C-alpha atoms as a PDB file:
ATOM      1  CA  MET A   1       0.000   0.000   0.000  1.00  0.00           C
ATOM      2  CA  ASN A   2       1.350   3.422  -0.967  1.00  0.00           C
ATOM      3  CA  LEU A   3       0.595   6.379   1.260  1.00  0.00           C
ATOM      4  CA  ASN A   4       0.993   9.886  -0.167  1.00  0.00           C
ATOM      5  CA  LEU A   5       1.756  12.478   2.509  1.00  0.00           C
ATOM      6  CA  PHE A   6       1.717  16.247   2.149  1.00  0.00           C
ATOM      7  CA  ILE A   7       3.998  17.870   4.737  1.00  0.00           C
ATOM      8  CA  ARG A   8       3.222  21.519   5.425  1.00  0.00           C
ATOM      9  CA  GLN A   9       5.941  23.597   6.988  1.00  0.00           C
ATOM     10  CA  SER A  10       6.190  27.355   7.461  1.00  0.00           C
ATOM     11  CA  TYR A  11       8.976  28.251   5.059  1.00  0.00           C
ATOM     12  CA  THR A  12       8.928  32.031   5.201  1.00  0.00           C
ATOM     13  CA  GLU A  13       9.312  32.219   8.979  1.00  0.00           C
ATOM     14  CA  ALA A  14      11.493  29.145   9.457  1.00  0.00           C
ATOM     15  CA  GLY A  15      14.999  29.635  10.784  1.00  0.00           C
ATOM     16  CA  GLU A  16      17.609  26.944  11.424  1.00  0.00           C
ATOM     17  CA  ASP A  17      15.922  25.708  14.628  1.00  0.00           C
ATOM     18  CA  GLU A  18      12.548  25.298  12.911  1.00  0.00           C
ATOM     19  CA  ARG A  19      14.154  23.628   9.901  1.00  0.00           C
ATOM     20  CA  ASP A  20      15.891  21.123  12.202  1.00  0.00           C
ATOM     21  CA  ILE A  21      12.606  20.246  13.944  1.00  0.00           C
ATOM     22  CA  ILE A  22      10.831  19.793  10.623  1.00  0.00           C
ATOM     23  CA  GLN A  23      13.685  17.641   9.293  1.00  0.00           C
ATOM     24  CA  SER A  24      13.408  15.462  12.418  1.00  0.00           C
ATOM     25  CA  VAL A  25       9.708  14.897  11.704  1.00  0.00           C
ATOM     26  CA  ILE A  26      10.419  14.135   8.034  1.00  0.00           C
ATOM     27  CA  ASN A  27      13.138  11.646   9.046  1.00  0.00           C
ATOM     28  CA  LEU A  28      10.732  10.007  11.488  1.00  0.00           C
ATOM     29  CA  ILE A  29       8.133   9.613   8.744  1.00  0.00           C
ATOM     30  CA  LYS A  30      10.697   8.202   6.306  1.00  0.00           C
ATOM     31  CA  SER A  31      11.683   5.602   8.923  1.00  0.00           C
ATOM     32  CA  MET A  32       8.088   4.298   8.913  1.00  0.00           C
ATOM     33  CA  ASN A  33       8.412   2.806   5.429  1.00  0.00           C
ATOM     34  CA  ASN A  34       8.149  -0.955   5.459  1.00  0.00           C
ATOM     35  CA  ASP A  35       7.313  -3.842   3.116  1.00  0.00           C
ATOM     36  CA  GLN A  36       3.563  -3.361   3.543  1.00  0.00           C
ATOM     37  CA  ARG A  37       3.504   0.436   3.423  1.00  0.00           C
ATOM     38  CA  ARG A  38       5.522   2.792   1.231  1.00  0.00           C
ATOM     39  CA  ILE A  39       5.307   6.419   2.241  1.00  0.00           C
ATOM     40  CA  LYS A  40       5.791   8.998  -0.477  1.00  0.00           C
ATOM     41  CA  LEU A  41       6.485  12.522   0.719  1.00  0.00           C
ATOM     42  CA  LEU A  42       4.826  14.615  -1.971  1.00  0.00           C
ATOM     43  CA  THR A  43       6.539  17.758  -0.696  1.00  0.00           C
ATOM     44  CA  GLY A  44      10.024  16.237  -0.672  1.00  0.00           C
ATOM     45  CA  ASP A  45      12.229  14.765   1.998  1.00  0.00           C
ATOM     46  CA  LYS A  46      14.118  17.916   2.973  1.00  0.00           C
ATOM     47  CA  ALA A  47      13.131  20.724   5.287  1.00  0.00           C
ATOM     48  CA  TYR A  48      13.870  24.259   4.188  1.00  0.00           C
ATOM     49  CA  ASN A  49      14.035  27.646   5.803  1.00  0.00           C
ATOM     50  CA  GLN A  50      13.450  31.230   4.780  1.00  0.00           C
ATOM     51  CA  SER A  51      16.814  31.500   3.035  1.00  0.00           C
ATOM     52  CA  ASN A  52      16.569  28.487   0.730  1.00  0.00           C
ATOM     53  CA  PHE A  53      12.959  27.465   0.116  1.00  0.00           C
ATOM     54  CA  LYS A  54      12.458  29.536  -3.054  1.00  0.00           C
ATOM     55  CA  ALA A  55      15.545  28.080  -4.763  1.00  0.00           C
ATOM     56  CA  ALA A  56      14.523  24.573  -3.668  1.00  0.00           C
ATOM     57  CA  TYR A  57      11.004  25.077  -5.037  1.00  0.00           C
ATOM     58  CA  GLU A  58      12.375  26.210  -8.417  1.00  0.00           C
ATOM     59  CA  LYS A  59      14.762  23.257  -8.601  1.00  0.00           C
ATOM     60  CA  GLU A  60      12.154  20.640  -7.621  1.00  0.00           C
ATOM     61  CA  SER A  61       9.218  22.010  -9.621  1.00  0.00           C
ATOM     62  CA  GLY A  62      11.015  23.411 -12.648  1.00  0.00           C
ATOM     63  CA  ASN A  63       8.948  26.603 -12.243  1.00  0.00           C
ATOM     64  CA  LEU A  64       9.960  30.119 -11.372  1.00  0.00           C
ATOM     65  CA  PHE A  65       8.905  30.919  -7.813  1.00  0.00           C
ATOM     66  CA  THR A  66       5.888  33.187  -7.726  1.00  0.00           C
ATOM     67  CA  PRO A  67       3.092  33.041  -5.163  1.00  0.00           C
ATOM     68  CA  GLU A  68       0.720  31.885  -7.929  1.00  0.00           C
ATOM     69  CA  ASN A  69       3.032  29.083  -9.145  1.00  0.00           C
ATOM     70  CA  PHE A  70       3.684  27.971  -5.585  1.00  0.00           C
ATOM     71  CA  ARG A  71      -0.050  27.857  -4.750  1.00  0.00           C
ATOM     72  CA  LYS A  72      -0.896  25.936  -7.949  1.00  0.00           C
ATOM     73  CA  THR A  73       1.825  23.386  -7.281  1.00  0.00           C
ATOM     74  CA  ARG A  74       0.681  22.932  -3.702  1.00  0.00           C
ATOM     75  CA  GLN A  75      -2.980  22.625  -4.755  1.00  0.00           C
ATOM     76  CA  SER A  76      -2.143  19.817  -7.168  1.00  0.00           C
ATOM     77  CA  LEU A  77      -0.209  17.986  -4.447  1.00  0.00           C
ATOM     78  CA  ILE A  78      -3.097  18.349  -2.001  1.00  0.00           C
ATOM     79  CA  GLN A  79      -5.427  16.805  -4.601  1.00  0.00           C
ATOM     80  CA  THR A  80      -3.287  13.643  -4.665  1.00  0.00           C
ATOM     81  CA  CYS A  81      -2.446  13.307  -0.965  1.00  0.00           C
ATOM     82  CA  ASP A  82      -3.871  10.728   1.414  1.00  0.00           C
ATOM     83  CA  ALA A  83      -3.100  12.866   4.459  1.00  0.00           C
ATOM     84  CA  MET A  84      -1.506  16.134   5.542  1.00  0.00           C
ATOM     85  CA  ILE A  85       0.875  16.766   8.408  1.00  0.00           C
ATOM     86  CA  ILE A  86       1.053  20.436   9.316  1.00  0.00           C
ATOM     87  CA  ILE A  87       4.100  21.354  11.387  1.00  0.00           C
ATOM     88  CA  ARG A  88       3.552  24.651  13.185  1.00  0.00           C
ATOM     89  CA  THR A  89       6.851  26.151  14.196  1.00  0.00           C
ATOM     90  CA  GLY A  90       5.918  29.587  12.892  1.00  0.00           C
ATOM     91  CA  MET A  91       2.955  31.353  11.356  1.00  0.00           C
ATOM     92  CA  SER A  92       2.060  31.572   7.695  1.00  0.00           C
ATOM     93  CA  GLU A  93      -1.077  32.640   5.882  1.00  0.00           C
ATOM     94  CA  SER A  94      -0.311  30.089   3.163  1.00  0.00           C
ATOM     95  CA  THR A  95      -0.766  27.329   5.748  1.00  0.00           C
ATOM     96  CA  ALA A  96      -4.329  28.521   6.270  1.00  0.00           C
ATOM     97  CA  PHE A  97      -4.803  28.634   2.489  1.00  0.00           C
ATOM     98  CA  GLU A  98      -3.613  25.039   2.030  1.00  0.00           C
ATOM     99  CA  VAL A  99      -5.694  23.714   4.918  1.00  0.00           C
ATOM    100  CA  CYS A 100      -8.795  25.484   3.610  1.00  0.00           C
ATOM    101  CA  TYR A 101      -8.122  24.248   0.093  1.00  0.00           C
ATOM    102  CA  ASN A 102      -7.917  20.691   1.415  1.00  0.00           C
ATOM    103  CA  ILE A 103     -11.258  21.048   3.171  1.00  0.00           C
ATOM    104  CA  PHE A 104     -13.283  23.084   0.706  1.00  0.00           C
ATOM    105  CA  SER A 105     -11.960  21.566  -2.535  1.00  0.00           C
ATOM    106  CA  GLY A 106     -13.434  18.267  -1.448  1.00  0.00           C
ATOM    107  CA  SER A 107     -10.092  16.518  -0.901  1.00  0.00           C
ATOM    108  CA  LEU A 108     -10.704  16.215   2.845  1.00  0.00           C
ATOM    109  CA  ALA A 109      -7.424  14.451   3.537  1.00  0.00           C
ATOM    110  CA  PRO A 110      -6.968  13.749   7.253  1.00  0.00           C
ATOM    111  CA  MET A 111      -4.752  16.365   8.914  1.00  0.00           C
ATOM    112  CA  LEU A 112      -2.317  16.103  11.803  1.00  0.00           C
ATOM    113  CA  PHE A 113      -1.328  19.467  13.281  1.00  0.00           C
ATOM    114  CA  LEU A 114       1.972  19.329  15.152  1.00  0.00           C
ATOM    115  CA  VAL A 115       2.019  22.613  17.064  1.00  0.00           C
ATOM    116  CA  ARG A 116       5.174  23.706  18.816  1.00  0.00           C
ATOM    117  CA  LYS A 117       4.227  25.035  22.261  1.00  0.00           C
ATOM    118  CA  LYS A 118       6.342  28.153  21.891  1.00  0.00           C
ATOM    119  CA  ASN A 119       4.720  28.896  18.500  1.00  0.00           C
ATOM    120  CA  PRO A 120       0.982  28.356  19.063  1.00  0.00           C
ATOM    121  CA  ILE A 121      -1.518  28.646  16.251  1.00  0.00           C
ATOM    122  CA  LYS A 122      -2.259  32.354  15.952  1.00  0.00           C
ATOM    123  CA  THR A 123      -5.433  32.216  13.898  1.00  0.00           C
ATOM    124  CA  THR A 124      -8.745  30.679  14.820  1.00  0.00           C
ATOM    125  CA  LEU A 125      -9.076  29.595  11.182  1.00  0.00           C
ATOM    126  CA  LEU A 126      -6.707  26.681  11.902  1.00  0.00           C
ATOM    127  CA  GLN A 127      -8.228  25.714  15.242  1.00  0.00           C
ATOM    128  CA  ASN A 128     -11.087  23.340  16.017  1.00  0.00           C
ATOM    129  CA  LEU A 129     -11.362  21.959  12.502  1.00  0.00           C
ATOM    130  CA  ASP A 130     -12.357  18.531  13.799  1.00  0.00           C
ATOM    131  CA  GLU A 131     -16.020  19.457  13.361  1.00  0.00           C
ATOM    132  CA  ILE A 132     -15.655  19.702   9.569  1.00  0.00           C
ATOM    133  CA  SER A 133     -12.655  17.464   8.882  1.00  0.00           C
ATOM    134  CA  ASP A 134     -10.552  14.632  10.246  1.00  0.00           C
ATOM    135  CA  SER A 135      -8.107  16.800  12.220  1.00  0.00           C
ATOM    136  CA  THR A 136      -5.841  15.946  15.133  1.00  0.00           C
ATOM    137  CA  TYR A 137      -3.820  18.469  17.155  1.00  0.00           C
ATOM    138  CA  VAL A 138      -0.646  17.635  19.083  1.00  0.00           C
ATOM    139  CA  SER A 139       1.416  20.161  21.048  1.00  0.00           C
ATOM    140  CA  PHE A 140       5.142  19.515  21.451  1.00  0.00           C
ATOM    141  CA  GLU A 141       8.257  21.087  22.893  1.00  0.00           C
ATOM    142  CA  SER A 142      10.832  18.964  21.059  1.00  0.00           C
ATOM    143  CA  ALA A 143      10.742  16.724  18.006  1.00  0.00           C
ATOM    144  CA  GLY A 144      11.508  13.706  20.205  1.00  0.00           C
ATOM    145  CA  GLU A 145       7.941  13.835  21.545  1.00  0.00           C
ATOM    146  CA  LEU A 146       6.395  13.226  18.122  1.00  0.00           C
ATOM    147  CA  ASP A 147       7.191   9.562  17.493  1.00  0.00           C
ATOM    148  CA  LYS A 148       3.962   8.135  18.936  1.00  0.00           C
ATOM    149  CA  PRO A 149       1.482  10.711  17.586  1.00  0.00           C
ATOM    150  CA  VAL A 150       2.997  10.654  14.075  1.00  0.00           C
ATOM    151  CA  SER A 151       3.199   6.833  14.046  1.00  0.00           C
ATOM    152  CA  HIS A 152      -0.395   6.527  15.236  1.00  0.00           C
ATOM    153  CA  PHE A 153      -1.645   9.013  12.626  1.00  0.00           C
ATOM    154  CA  ILE A 154       0.161   7.309   9.733  1.00  0.00           C
ATOM    155  CA  TYR A 155      -1.021   3.870  10.872  1.00  0.00           C
ATOM    156  CA  ARG A 156      -4.626   5.100  11.129  1.00  0.00           C
ATOM    157  CA  VAL A 157      -4.543   6.728   7.675  1.00  0.00           C
ATOM    158  CA  ALA A 158      -2.935   3.639   6.104  1.00  0.00           C
ATOM    159  CA  GLU A 159      -5.539   1.351   7.713  1.00  0.00           C
ATOM    160  CA  SER A 160      -8.387   3.546   6.474  1.00  0.00           C
ATOM    161  CA  LYS A 161      -6.961   3.645   2.949  1.00  0.00           C
ATOM    162  CA  GLU A 162      -6.511  -0.120   2.935  1.00  0.00           C
ATOM    163  CA  LYS A 163     -10.109  -0.725   4.092  1.00  0.00           C
ATOM    164  CA  SER A 164     -11.390   1.679   1.442  1.00  0.00           C
ATOM    165  CA  HIS A 165      -9.342  -0.126  -1.216  1.00  0.00           C
ATOM    166  CA  GLU A 166     -10.713  -3.503  -0.061  1.00  0.00           C
ATOM    167  CA  SER A 167     -14.290  -2.191  -0.246  1.00  0.00           C
ATOM    168  CA  ILE A 168     -13.780  -0.879  -3.780  1.00  0.00           C
ATOM    169  CA  THR A 169     -12.191  -4.164  -4.855  1.00  0.00           C
ATOM    170  CA  ALA A 170     -15.098  -6.159  -3.388  1.00  0.00           C
ATOM    171  CA  LEU A 171     -17.632  -3.881  -5.096  1.00  0.00           C
ATOM    172  CA  SER A 172     -15.838  -4.289  -8.434  1.00  0.00           C
ATOM    173  CA  GLU A 173     -15.866  -8.066  -8.068  1.00  0.00           C
ATOM    174  CA  ASP A 174     -19.571  -8.010  -7.232  1.00  0.00           C
ATOM    175  CA  LEU A 175     -20.303  -5.891 -10.306  1.00  0.00           C
ATOM    176  CA  GLU A 176     -18.332  -8.260 -12.525  1.00  0.00           C
ATOM    177  CA  GLY A 177     -20.600 -11.107 -11.418  1.00  0.00           C
ATOM    178  CA  ILE A 178     -23.722  -9.297 -12.625  1.00  0.00           C
END
Protein backbone atom coordinates (compact mmCIF):
# COMPACT_ATOMS: atom_id res chain seq x y z
CA MET A 1 0.00 0.00 0.00
CA ASN A 2 1.35 3.42 -0.97
CA LEU A 3 0.59 6.38 1.26
CA ASN A 4 0.99 9.89 -0.17
CA LEU A 5 1.76 12.48 2.51
CA PHE A 6 1.72 16.25 2.15
CA ILE A 7 4.00 17.87 4.74
CA ARG A 8 3.22 21.52 5.43
CA GLN A 9 5.94 23.60 6.99
CA SER A 10 6.19 27.35 7.46
CA TYR A 11 8.98 28.25 5.06
CA THR A 12 8.93 32.03 5.20
CA GLU A 13 9.31 32.22 8.98
CA ALA A 14 11.49 29.14 9.46
CA GLY A 15 15.00 29.63 10.78
CA GLU A 16 17.61 26.94 11.42
CA ASP A 17 15.92 25.71 14.63
CA GLU A 18 12.55 25.30 12.91
CA ARG A 19 14.15 23.63 9.90
CA ASP A 20 15.89 21.12 12.20
CA ILE A 21 12.61 20.25 13.94
CA ILE A 22 10.83 19.79 10.62
CA GLN A 23 13.68 17.64 9.29
CA SER A 24 13.41 15.46 12.42
CA VAL A 25 9.71 14.90 11.70
CA ILE A 26 10.42 14.13 8.03
CA ASN A 27 13.14 11.65 9.05
CA LEU A 28 10.73 10.01 11.49
CA ILE A 29 8.13 9.61 8.74
CA LYS A 30 10.70 8.20 6.31
CA SER A 31 11.68 5.60 8.92
CA MET A 32 8.09 4.30 8.91
CA ASN A 33 8.41 2.81 5.43
CA ASN A 34 8.15 -0.95 5.46
CA ASP A 35 7.31 -3.84 3.12
CA GLN A 36 3.56 -3.36 3.54
CA ARG A 37 3.50 0.44 3.42
CA ARG A 38 5.52 2.79 1.23
CA ILE A 39 5.31 6.42 2.24
CA LYS A 40 5.79 9.00 -0.48
CA LEU A 41 6.49 12.52 0.72
CA LEU A 42 4.83 14.61 -1.97
CA THR A 43 6.54 17.76 -0.70
CA GLY A 44 10.02 16.24 -0.67
CA ASP A 45 12.23 14.77 2.00
CA LYS A 46 14.12 17.92 2.97
CA ALA A 47 13.13 20.72 5.29
CA TYR A 48 13.87 24.26 4.19
CA ASN A 49 14.03 27.65 5.80
CA GLN A 50 13.45 31.23 4.78
CA SER A 51 16.81 31.50 3.03
CA ASN A 52 16.57 28.49 0.73
CA PHE A 53 12.96 27.47 0.12
CA LYS A 54 12.46 29.54 -3.05
CA ALA A 55 15.55 28.08 -4.76
CA ALA A 56 14.52 24.57 -3.67
CA TYR A 57 11.00 25.08 -5.04
CA GLU A 58 12.37 26.21 -8.42
CA LYS A 59 14.76 23.26 -8.60
CA GLU A 60 12.15 20.64 -7.62
CA SER A 61 9.22 22.01 -9.62
CA GLY A 62 11.02 23.41 -12.65
CA ASN A 63 8.95 26.60 -12.24
CA LEU A 64 9.96 30.12 -11.37
CA PHE A 65 8.90 30.92 -7.81
CA THR A 66 5.89 33.19 -7.73
CA PRO A 67 3.09 33.04 -5.16
CA GLU A 68 0.72 31.88 -7.93
CA ASN A 69 3.03 29.08 -9.15
CA PHE A 70 3.68 27.97 -5.59
CA ARG A 71 -0.05 27.86 -4.75
CA LYS A 72 -0.90 25.94 -7.95
CA THR A 73 1.83 23.39 -7.28
CA ARG A 74 0.68 22.93 -3.70
CA GLN A 75 -2.98 22.63 -4.75
CA SER A 76 -2.14 19.82 -7.17
CA LEU A 77 -0.21 17.99 -4.45
CA ILE A 78 -3.10 18.35 -2.00
CA GLN A 79 -5.43 16.81 -4.60
CA THR A 80 -3.29 13.64 -4.66
CA CYS A 81 -2.45 13.31 -0.97
CA ASP A 82 -3.87 10.73 1.41
CA ALA A 83 -3.10 12.87 4.46
CA MET A 84 -1.51 16.13 5.54
CA ILE A 85 0.87 16.77 8.41
CA ILE A 86 1.05 20.44 9.32
CA ILE A 87 4.10 21.35 11.39
CA ARG A 88 3.55 24.65 13.19
CA THR A 89 6.85 26.15 14.20
CA GLY A 90 5.92 29.59 12.89
CA MET A 91 2.96 31.35 11.36
CA SER A 92 2.06 31.57 7.70
CA GLU A 93 -1.08 32.64 5.88
CA SER A 94 -0.31 30.09 3.16
CA THR A 95 -0.77 27.33 5.75
CA ALA A 96 -4.33 28.52 6.27
CA PHE A 97 -4.80 28.63 2.49
CA GLU A 98 -3.61 25.04 2.03
CA VAL A 99 -5.69 23.71 4.92
CA CYS A 100 -8.80 25.48 3.61
CA TYR A 101 -8.12 24.25 0.09
CA ASN A 102 -7.92 20.69 1.42
CA ILE A 103 -11.26 21.05 3.17
CA PHE A 104 -13.28 23.08 0.71
CA SER A 105 -11.96 21.57 -2.54
CA GLY A 106 -13.43 18.27 -1.45
CA SER A 107 -10.09 16.52 -0.90
CA LEU A 108 -10.70 16.22 2.85
CA ALA A 109 -7.42 14.45 3.54
CA PRO A 110 -6.97 13.75 7.25
CA MET A 111 -4.75 16.36 8.91
CA LEU A 112 -2.32 16.10 11.80
CA PHE A 113 -1.33 19.47 13.28
CA LEU A 114 1.97 19.33 15.15
CA VAL A 115 2.02 22.61 17.06
CA ARG A 116 5.17 23.71 18.82
CA LYS A 117 4.23 25.04 22.26
CA LYS A 118 6.34 28.15 21.89
CA ASN A 119 4.72 28.90 18.50
CA PRO A 120 0.98 28.36 19.06
CA ILE A 121 -1.52 28.65 16.25
CA LYS A 122 -2.26 32.35 15.95
CA THR A 123 -5.43 32.22 13.90
CA THR A 124 -8.75 30.68 14.82
CA LEU A 125 -9.08 29.59 11.18
CA LEU A 126 -6.71 26.68 11.90
CA GLN A 127 -8.23 25.71 15.24
CA ASN A 128 -11.09 23.34 16.02
CA LEU A 129 -11.36 21.96 12.50
CA ASP A 130 -12.36 18.53 13.80
CA GLU A 131 -16.02 19.46 13.36
CA ILE A 132 -15.65 19.70 9.57
CA SER A 133 -12.65 17.46 8.88
CA ASP A 134 -10.55 14.63 10.25
CA SER A 135 -8.11 16.80 12.22
CA THR A 136 -5.84 15.95 15.13
CA TYR A 137 -3.82 18.47 17.16
CA VAL A 138 -0.65 17.63 19.08
CA SER A 139 1.42 20.16 21.05
CA PHE A 140 5.14 19.52 21.45
CA GLU A 141 8.26 21.09 22.89
CA SER A 142 10.83 18.96 21.06
CA ALA A 143 10.74 16.72 18.01
CA GLY A 144 11.51 13.71 20.20
CA GLU A 145 7.94 13.84 21.54
CA LEU A 146 6.40 13.23 18.12
CA ASP A 147 7.19 9.56 17.49
CA LYS A 148 3.96 8.13 18.94
CA PRO A 149 1.48 10.71 17.59
CA VAL A 150 3.00 10.65 14.08
CA SER A 151 3.20 6.83 14.05
CA HIS A 152 -0.39 6.53 15.24
CA PHE A 153 -1.65 9.01 12.63
CA ILE A 154 0.16 7.31 9.73
CA TYR A 155 -1.02 3.87 10.87
CA ARG A 156 -4.63 5.10 11.13
CA VAL A 157 -4.54 6.73 7.68
CA ALA A 158 -2.94 3.64 6.10
CA GLU A 159 -5.54 1.35 7.71
CA SER A 160 -8.39 3.55 6.47
CA LYS A 161 -6.96 3.64 2.95
CA GLU A 162 -6.51 -0.12 2.94
CA LYS A 163 -10.11 -0.72 4.09
CA SER A 164 -11.39 1.68 1.44
CA HIS A 165 -9.34 -0.13 -1.22
CA GLU A 166 -10.71 -3.50 -0.06
CA SER A 167 -14.29 -2.19 -0.25
CA ILE A 168 -13.78 -0.88 -3.78
CA THR A 169 -12.19 -4.16 -4.86
CA ALA A 170 -15.10 -6.16 -3.39
CA LEU A 171 -17.63 -3.88 -5.10
CA SER A 172 -15.84 -4.29 -8.43
CA GLU A 173 -15.87 -8.07 -8.07
CA ASP A 174 -19.57 -8.01 -7.23
CA LEU A 175 -20.30 -5.89 -10.31
CA GLU A 176 -18.33 -8.26 -12.53
CA GLY A 177 -20.60 -11.11 -11.42
CA ILE A 178 -23.72 -9.30 -12.63
